[in-house]
Amino acid sequence: MKVILIKDVAKVGRAGTVAEVKEGYARNFLFPHKLAQEATAGGIKKLEQDMQARSEQYARDKKESEELKGRLDALSLTIPALVQGEEKLYGSISSHDISEALKQEGFAIEKNAIELPEPIKSLGIYELTVRLHAEVNATVKLWVVKK
């Protein structure tokens, strides 16, 4: 029996694909748990339309991310911080602080999109990677200076 998977099912397939399964498995497990629906002509046509719409949305998102990448790559961000001694910061600068600084510059970037292996604890110049899209990463230059 052919079914259209609504959600990912282990050892069967990913959501949005047509899979061949045994009739009992479909009727007793997949359909009651709303993991799949029967593959009818109308359902397959709707699936193709949904996949086309998703691919168009993906392309639009990627194009917007490419434009944002160009603006972010040219950005040099400065964060003043309190210093103890010569180079060591009193606290640390986290991805949340960087996200807030980017918001002040006019960029709405979530803190979990900023790749920061560990919090910044000293003065200096850092190059950070920002994930904008599955295929697009931008590099932001961060200057941490004395307050």
N, C-alpha and C. Protein backbone atom coordinates (compact mmCIF):
# COMPACT_ATOMS: atom_id res chain seq x y z
N MET A 1 0.85 -1.17 0.00
CA MET A 1 0.00 0.00 0.00
C MET A 1 0.90 1.24 0.00
N LYS A 2 0.57 2.22 -0.82
CA LYS A 2 1.32 3.46 -0.87
C LYS A 2 0.69 4.48 0.07
N VAL A 3 1.58 5.13 0.85
CA VAL A 3 1.13 6.15 1.79
C VAL A 3 2.01 7.39 1.62
N ILE A 4 1.44 8.53 1.99
CA ILE A 4 2.19 9.78 2.04
C ILE A 4 2.51 10.04 3.50
N LEU A 5 3.79 10.13 3.82
CA LEU A 5 4.20 10.32 5.21
C LEU A 5 4.00 11.77 5.62
N ILE A 6 3.34 11.96 6.76
CA ILE A 6 3.09 13.29 7.30
C ILE A 6 4.25 13.69 8.21
N LYS A 7 4.80 12.72 8.94
CA LYS A 7 5.94 12.94 9.82
C LYS A 7 7.02 11.91 9.48
N ASP A 8 8.25 12.17 9.92
CA ASP A 8 9.33 11.21 9.71
C ASP A 8 9.01 9.93 10.48
N VAL A 9 9.21 8.78 9.83
CA VAL A 9 8.99 7.48 10.45
C VAL A 9 10.26 6.67 10.25
N ALA A 10 10.83 6.17 11.35
CA ALA A 10 12.06 5.41 11.28
C ALA A 10 11.88 4.18 10.40
N LYS A 11 12.85 3.90 9.58
CA LYS A 11 12.91 2.75 8.69
C LYS A 11 11.84 2.76 7.60
N VAL A 12 11.09 3.87 7.47
CA VAL A 12 10.08 3.97 6.42
C VAL A 12 10.41 5.14 5.49
N GLY A 13 10.60 6.32 6.05
CA GLY A 13 10.93 7.47 5.22
C GLY A 13 10.75 8.79 5.94
N ARG A 14 11.02 9.85 5.20
CA ARG A 14 10.92 11.20 5.74
C ARG A 14 9.55 11.79 5.43
N ALA A 15 9.19 12.81 6.19
CA ALA A 15 7.92 13.50 5.99
C ALA A 15 7.87 14.09 4.57
N GLY A 16 6.71 13.99 3.95
CA GLY A 16 6.53 14.55 2.62
C GLY A 16 6.93 13.63 1.49
N THR A 17 7.18 12.36 1.78
CA THR A 17 7.53 11.42 0.72
C THR A 17 6.46 10.34 0.62
N VAL A 18 6.46 9.67 -0.51
CA VAL A 18 5.54 8.55 -0.72
C VAL A 18 6.32 7.28 -0.42
N ALA A 19 5.74 6.40 0.40
CA ALA A 19 6.41 5.16 0.79
C ALA A 19 5.48 3.98 0.57
N GLU A 20 6.07 2.83 0.30
CA GLU A 20 5.33 1.58 0.13
C GLU A 20 5.44 0.80 1.44
N VAL A 21 4.30 0.54 2.09
CA VAL A 21 4.28 -0.21 3.35
C VAL A 21 3.21 -1.28 3.27
N LYS A 22 3.26 -2.20 4.21
CA LYS A 22 2.23 -3.24 4.27
C LYS A 22 0.92 -2.62 4.73
N GLU A 23 -0.17 -3.16 4.23
CA GLU A 23 -1.48 -2.58 4.51
C GLU A 23 -1.81 -2.59 6.00
N GLY A 24 -1.49 -3.67 6.70
CA GLY A 24 -1.78 -3.75 8.13
C GLY A 24 -1.00 -2.71 8.92
N TYR A 25 0.24 -2.48 8.56
CA TYR A 25 1.08 -1.49 9.25
C TYR A 25 0.48 -0.10 9.05
N ALA A 26 0.03 0.17 7.84
CA ALA A 26 -0.56 1.48 7.55
C ALA A 26 -1.86 1.67 8.33
N ARG A 27 -2.76 0.69 8.24
CA ARG A 27 -4.07 0.84 8.87
C ARG A 27 -4.03 0.78 10.40
N ASN A 28 -3.12 -0.03 10.96
CA ASN A 28 -3.09 -0.23 12.40
C ASN A 28 -2.14 0.71 13.14
N PHE A 29 -1.13 1.25 12.44
CA PHE A 29 -0.18 2.09 13.14
C PHE A 29 -0.06 3.49 12.54
N LEU A 30 0.23 3.59 11.27
CA LEU A 30 0.50 4.90 10.66
C LEU A 30 -0.73 5.80 10.65
N PHE A 31 -1.85 5.28 10.20
CA PHE A 31 -3.06 6.11 10.11
C PHE A 31 -3.58 6.54 11.48
N PRO A 32 -3.72 5.62 12.48
CA PRO A 32 -4.23 6.04 13.79
C PRO A 32 -3.33 7.06 14.50
N HIS A 33 -2.01 6.96 14.29
CA HIS A 33 -1.08 7.88 14.93
C HIS A 33 -0.84 9.14 14.10
N LYS A 34 -1.59 9.27 13.01
CA LYS A 34 -1.51 10.43 12.12
C LYS A 34 -0.08 10.68 11.63
N LEU A 35 0.60 9.58 11.29
CA LEU A 35 1.95 9.66 10.74
C LEU A 35 1.92 9.63 9.21
N ALA A 36 0.80 9.17 8.65
CA ALA A 36 0.71 9.06 7.19
C ALA A 36 -0.75 9.13 6.77
N GLN A 37 -0.93 9.34 5.48
CA GLN A 37 -2.28 9.28 4.89
C GLN A 37 -2.18 8.46 3.62
N GLU A 38 -3.31 7.95 3.18
CA GLU A 38 -3.31 7.12 1.99
C GLU A 38 -2.91 7.95 0.77
N ALA A 39 -2.11 7.34 -0.09
CA ALA A 39 -1.61 8.04 -1.28
C ALA A 39 -2.66 7.94 -2.39
N THR A 40 -3.51 8.96 -2.46
CA THR A 40 -4.49 9.04 -3.53
C THR A 40 -3.95 10.00 -4.58
N ALA A 41 -4.61 10.06 -5.72
CA ALA A 41 -4.17 10.95 -6.79
C ALA A 41 -4.19 12.41 -6.32
N GLY A 42 -5.23 12.81 -5.63
CA GLY A 42 -5.33 14.17 -5.11
C GLY A 42 -4.28 14.46 -4.06
N GLY A 43 -4.01 13.48 -3.20
CA GLY A 43 -3.00 13.66 -2.16
C GLY A 43 -1.61 13.81 -2.74
N ILE A 44 -1.31 13.03 -3.77
CA ILE A 44 0.01 13.13 -4.40
C ILE A 44 0.16 14.46 -5.11
N LYS A 45 -0.92 14.93 -5.74
CA LYS A 45 -0.87 16.23 -6.42
C LYS A 45 -0.65 17.35 -5.40
N LYS A 46 -1.34 17.28 -4.27
CA LYS A 46 -1.17 18.28 -3.21
C LYS A 46 0.25 18.23 -2.66
N LEU A 47 0.80 17.02 -2.50
CA LEU A 47 2.17 16.86 -2.01
C LEU A 47 3.16 17.53 -2.97
N GLU A 48 2.97 17.34 -4.26
CA GLU A 48 3.86 17.97 -5.24
C GLU A 48 3.76 19.49 -5.18
N GLN A 49 2.55 20.02 -5.00
CA GLN A 49 2.37 21.47 -4.89
C GLN A 49 3.05 22.00 -3.62
N ASP A 50 2.91 21.27 -2.51
CA ASP A 50 3.54 21.67 -1.26
C ASP A 50 5.07 21.66 -1.38
N MET A 51 5.59 20.64 -2.05
CA MET A 51 7.04 20.54 -2.23
C MET A 51 7.54 21.69 -3.10
N GLN A 52 6.78 22.05 -4.12
CA GLN A 52 7.16 23.18 -4.99
C GLN A 52 7.15 24.48 -4.19
N ALA A 53 6.12 24.68 -3.37
CA ALA A 53 6.04 25.89 -2.56
C ALA A 53 7.19 25.95 -1.55
N ARG A 54 7.54 24.80 -0.94
CA ARG A 54 8.64 24.76 0.01
C ARG A 54 9.97 25.09 -0.67
N SER A 55 10.18 24.57 -1.86
CA SER A 55 11.44 24.84 -2.56
C SER A 55 11.54 26.31 -2.96
N GLU A 56 10.42 26.92 -3.35
CA GLU A 56 10.42 28.35 -3.67
C GLU A 56 10.71 29.18 -2.42
N GLN A 57 10.10 28.81 -1.29
CA GLN A 57 10.35 29.53 -0.03
C GLN A 57 11.81 29.37 0.39
N TYR A 58 12.36 28.18 0.22
CA TYR A 58 13.75 27.92 0.56
C TYR A 58 14.67 28.81 -0.28
N ALA A 59 14.38 28.94 -1.57
CA ALA A 59 15.18 29.78 -2.46
C ALA A 59 15.08 31.25 -2.06
N ARG A 60 13.88 31.71 -1.70
CA ARG A 60 13.72 33.10 -1.26
C ARG A 60 14.50 33.36 0.03
N ASP A 61 14.40 32.43 0.99
CA ASP A 61 15.13 32.58 2.26
C ASP A 61 16.63 32.60 2.02
N LYS A 62 17.10 31.76 1.12
CA LYS A 62 18.53 31.72 0.82
C LYS A 62 18.99 33.04 0.20
N LYS A 63 18.19 33.60 -0.71
CA LYS A 63 18.55 34.86 -1.36
C LYS A 63 18.61 35.99 -0.32
N GLU A 64 17.62 36.05 0.58
CA GLU A 64 17.63 37.07 1.63
C GLU A 64 18.84 36.90 2.54
N SER A 65 19.19 35.66 2.85
CA SER A 65 20.35 35.40 3.70
C SER A 65 21.64 35.83 3.01
N GLU A 66 21.73 35.63 1.70
CA GLU A 66 22.92 36.06 0.94
C GLU A 66 23.07 37.58 1.01
N GLU A 67 21.95 38.30 0.89
CA GLU A 67 22.00 39.76 0.97
C GLU A 67 22.43 40.21 2.37
N LEU A 68 21.89 39.57 3.39
CA LEU A 68 22.25 39.89 4.77
C LEU A 68 23.71 39.55 5.04
N LYS A 69 24.20 38.47 4.44
CA LYS A 69 25.60 38.08 4.59
C LYS A 69 26.53 39.17 4.09
N GLY A 70 26.20 39.77 2.96
CA GLY A 70 27.02 40.85 2.42
C GLY A 70 27.12 42.02 3.38
N ARG A 71 26.00 42.37 4.01
CA ARG A 71 26.00 43.49 4.97
C ARG A 71 26.75 43.12 6.25
N LEU A 72 26.59 41.87 6.72
CA LEU A 72 27.26 41.45 7.95
C LEU A 72 28.76 41.30 7.76
N ASP A 73 29.19 40.83 6.59
CA ASP A 73 30.62 40.66 6.35
C ASP A 73 31.34 42.00 6.38
N ALA A 74 30.66 43.07 6.02
CA ALA A 74 31.27 44.40 6.02
C ALA A 74 31.21 45.06 7.39
N LEU A 75 30.49 44.46 8.34
CA LEU A 75 30.29 45.06 9.66
C LEU A 75 31.48 44.80 10.58
N SER A 76 31.86 45.83 11.30
CA SER A 76 32.87 45.71 12.36
C SER A 76 32.19 46.15 13.65
N LEU A 77 31.96 45.23 14.55
CA LEU A 77 31.18 45.47 15.76
C LEU A 77 32.13 45.73 16.94
N THR A 78 31.83 46.75 17.73
CA THR A 78 32.65 47.08 18.89
C THR A 78 31.82 46.94 20.16
N ILE A 79 32.36 46.21 21.13
CA ILE A 79 31.69 46.06 22.42
C ILE A 79 32.65 46.53 23.51
N PRO A 80 32.30 47.61 24.23
CA PRO A 80 33.14 48.04 25.35
C PRO A 80 32.84 47.18 26.58
N ALA A 81 33.91 46.86 27.33
CA ALA A 81 33.73 46.02 28.51
C ALA A 81 34.64 46.48 29.63
N LEU A 82 34.21 46.27 30.87
CA LEU A 82 35.04 46.59 32.03
C LEU A 82 36.21 45.62 32.10
N VAL A 83 37.40 46.17 32.44
CA VAL A 83 38.61 45.37 32.40
C VAL A 83 39.24 45.31 33.78
N GLN A 84 39.79 44.17 34.10
CA GLN A 84 40.50 43.95 35.35
C GLN A 84 41.97 43.76 34.96
N GLY A 85 42.85 44.62 35.42
CA GLY A 85 44.25 44.52 35.03
C GLY A 85 44.44 45.04 33.61
N GLU A 86 45.19 44.33 32.80
CA GLU A 86 45.48 44.78 31.43
C GLU A 86 44.48 44.26 30.40
N GLU A 87 44.25 42.96 30.36
CA GLU A 87 43.48 42.37 29.27
C GLU A 87 42.25 41.59 29.72
N LYS A 88 42.20 41.15 30.94
CA LYS A 88 41.14 40.26 31.40
C LYS A 88 39.87 41.05 31.72
N LEU A 89 38.72 40.54 31.26
CA LEU A 89 37.44 41.19 31.51
C LEU A 89 36.90 40.79 32.89
N TYR A 90 36.10 41.69 33.49
CA TYR A 90 35.44 41.36 34.75
C TYR A 90 34.46 40.21 34.57
N GLY A 91 33.70 40.27 33.55
CA GLY A 91 32.75 39.20 33.26
C GLY A 91 33.18 38.52 31.98
N SER A 92 32.24 38.22 31.16
CA SER A 92 32.56 37.67 29.85
C SER A 92 31.50 38.15 28.85
N ILE A 93 31.84 38.06 27.61
CA ILE A 93 30.91 38.45 26.55
C ILE A 93 30.36 37.17 25.92
N SER A 94 29.05 37.01 25.98
CA SER A 94 28.41 35.80 25.47
C SER A 94 27.71 36.09 24.15
N SER A 95 27.12 35.07 23.57
CA SER A 95 26.40 35.24 22.32
C SER A 95 25.18 36.14 22.51
N HIS A 96 24.63 36.17 23.71
CA HIS A 96 23.51 37.06 24.01
C HIS A 96 23.94 38.52 23.89
N ASP A 97 25.11 38.85 24.44
CA ASP A 97 25.63 40.22 24.37
C ASP A 97 25.90 40.62 22.91
N ILE A 98 26.43 39.70 22.14
CA ILE A 98 26.71 39.97 20.73
C ILE A 98 25.41 40.17 19.96
N SER A 99 24.41 39.36 20.28
CA SER A 99 23.10 39.49 19.64
C SER A 99 22.49 40.86 19.93
N GLU A 100 22.60 41.31 21.18
CA GLU A 100 22.08 42.63 21.56
C GLU A 100 22.82 43.75 20.82
N ALA A 101 24.14 43.62 20.68
CA ALA A 101 24.92 44.62 19.96
C ALA A 101 24.53 44.65 18.48
N LEU A 102 24.26 43.49 17.92
CA LEU A 102 23.81 43.43 16.53
C LEU A 102 22.43 44.07 16.37
N LYS A 103 21.56 43.90 17.36
CA LYS A 103 20.23 44.52 17.31
C LYS A 103 20.35 46.04 17.32
N GLN A 104 21.32 46.57 18.07
CA GLN A 104 21.53 48.02 18.10
C GLN A 104 22.04 48.53 16.75
N GLU A 105 22.70 47.67 15.99
CA GLU A 105 23.19 48.04 14.66
C GLU A 105 22.11 47.84 13.59
N GLY A 106 20.97 47.26 13.97
CA GLY A 106 19.87 47.09 13.04
C GLY A 106 19.73 45.69 12.46
N PHE A 107 20.40 44.70 13.04
CA PHE A 107 20.32 43.31 12.56
C PHE A 107 19.60 42.48 13.60
N ALA A 108 18.56 41.77 13.19
CA ALA A 108 17.82 40.90 14.11
C ALA A 108 18.36 39.48 13.98
N ILE A 109 19.40 39.20 14.77
CA ILE A 109 20.05 37.89 14.76
C ILE A 109 19.83 37.24 16.12
N GLU A 110 19.33 36.01 16.12
CA GLU A 110 19.11 35.28 17.36
C GLU A 110 20.45 34.85 17.96
N LYS A 111 20.50 34.71 19.28
CA LYS A 111 21.76 34.37 19.94
C LYS A 111 22.24 32.97 19.58
N ASN A 112 21.34 32.04 19.30
CA ASN A 112 21.78 30.69 18.96
C ASN A 112 22.26 30.56 17.52
N ALA A 113 22.16 31.63 16.73
CA ALA A 113 22.70 31.62 15.37
C ALA A 113 24.16 32.05 15.37
N ILE A 114 24.63 32.56 16.49
CA ILE A 114 26.02 33.02 16.60
C ILE A 114 26.86 31.87 17.14
N GLU A 115 27.87 31.48 16.37
CA GLU A 115 28.74 30.38 16.78
C GLU A 115 29.87 30.94 17.63
N LEU A 116 29.78 30.68 18.92
CA LEU A 116 30.78 31.14 19.88
C LEU A 116 31.17 29.94 20.73
N PRO A 117 32.36 29.36 20.47
CA PRO A 117 32.73 28.13 21.18
C PRO A 117 32.75 28.29 22.70
N GLU A 118 33.24 29.45 23.16
CA GLU A 118 33.24 29.73 24.59
C GLU A 118 33.11 31.24 24.76
N PRO A 119 32.61 31.69 25.90
CA PRO A 119 32.47 33.14 26.11
C PRO A 119 33.82 33.85 26.01
N ILE A 120 33.78 35.08 25.54
CA ILE A 120 34.99 35.88 25.37
C ILE A 120 35.35 36.49 26.72
N LYS A 121 36.60 36.30 27.16
CA LYS A 121 37.02 36.75 28.49
C LYS A 121 38.21 37.69 28.46
N SER A 122 38.61 38.15 27.26
CA SER A 122 39.74 39.07 27.20
C SER A 122 39.55 40.05 26.05
N LEU A 123 40.28 41.16 26.11
CA LEU A 123 40.23 42.16 25.05
C LEU A 123 40.83 41.58 23.77
N GLY A 124 40.41 42.14 22.64
CA GLY A 124 41.00 41.69 21.39
C GLY A 124 40.03 41.79 20.24
N ILE A 125 40.48 41.24 19.12
CA ILE A 125 39.69 41.22 17.89
C ILE A 125 39.33 39.77 17.61
N TYR A 126 38.05 39.53 17.38
CA TYR A 126 37.56 38.18 17.15
C TYR A 126 36.76 38.13 15.86
N GLU A 127 36.84 37.00 15.17
CA GLU A 127 36.01 36.78 13.98
C GLU A 127 34.98 35.72 14.36
N LEU A 128 33.72 36.09 14.26
CA LEU A 128 32.63 35.19 14.65
C LEU A 128 31.86 34.74 13.42
N THR A 129 31.37 33.52 13.46
CA THR A 129 30.54 33.00 12.39
C THR A 129 29.08 33.08 12.82
N VAL A 130 28.24 33.59 11.91
CA VAL A 130 26.81 33.70 12.17
C VAL A 130 26.09 32.84 11.13
N ARG A 131 25.30 31.87 11.61
CA ARG A 131 24.53 31.01 10.71
C ARG A 131 23.24 31.72 10.33
N LEU A 132 23.12 32.06 9.06
CA LEU A 132 21.93 32.77 8.59
C LEU A 132 20.94 31.82 7.93
N HIS A 133 21.43 30.74 7.36
CA HIS A 133 20.64 29.81 6.58
C HIS A 133 21.41 28.49 6.59
N ALA A 134 20.78 27.41 6.18
CA ALA A 134 21.45 26.12 6.17
C ALA A 134 22.70 26.14 5.30
N GLU A 135 22.72 26.97 4.26
CA GLU A 135 23.85 27.02 3.34
C GLU A 135 24.61 28.34 3.39
N VAL A 136 24.22 29.27 4.24
CA VAL A 136 24.83 30.60 4.25
C VAL A 136 25.32 30.95 5.65
N ASN A 137 26.63 31.24 5.76
CA ASN A 137 27.23 31.69 7.00
C ASN A 137 27.91 33.03 6.75
N ALA A 138 27.79 33.94 7.69
CA ALA A 138 28.46 35.24 7.59
C ALA A 138 29.54 35.33 8.66
N THR A 139 30.52 36.19 8.40
CA THR A 139 31.60 36.42 9.36
C THR A 139 31.52 37.85 9.85
N VAL A 140 31.49 38.03 11.16
CA VAL A 140 31.42 39.36 11.76
C VAL A 140 32.71 39.58 12.55
N LYS A 141 33.31 40.74 12.36
CA LYS A 141 34.52 41.09 13.11
C LYS A 141 34.08 41.80 14.39
N LEU A 142 34.52 41.29 15.52
CA LEU A 142 34.16 41.83 16.83
C LEU A 142 35.40 42.39 17.51
N TRP A 143 35.30 43.64 17.93
CA TRP A 143 36.36 44.28 18.70
C TRP A 143 35.89 44.41 20.13
N VAL A 144 36.63 43.86 21.07
CA VAL A 144 36.33 44.02 22.50
C VAL A 144 37.36 45.00 23.04
N VAL A 145 36.85 46.17 23.52
CA VAL A 145 37.72 47.25 23.96
C VAL A 145 37.42 47.62 25.41
N LYS A 146 38.34 48.38 26.02
CA LYS A 146 38.15 48.85 27.40
C LYS A 146 37.01 49.85 27.45
N LYS A 147 36.26 49.79 28.54
CA LYS A 147 35.16 50.73 28.74
C LYS A 147 35.68 51.99 29.38
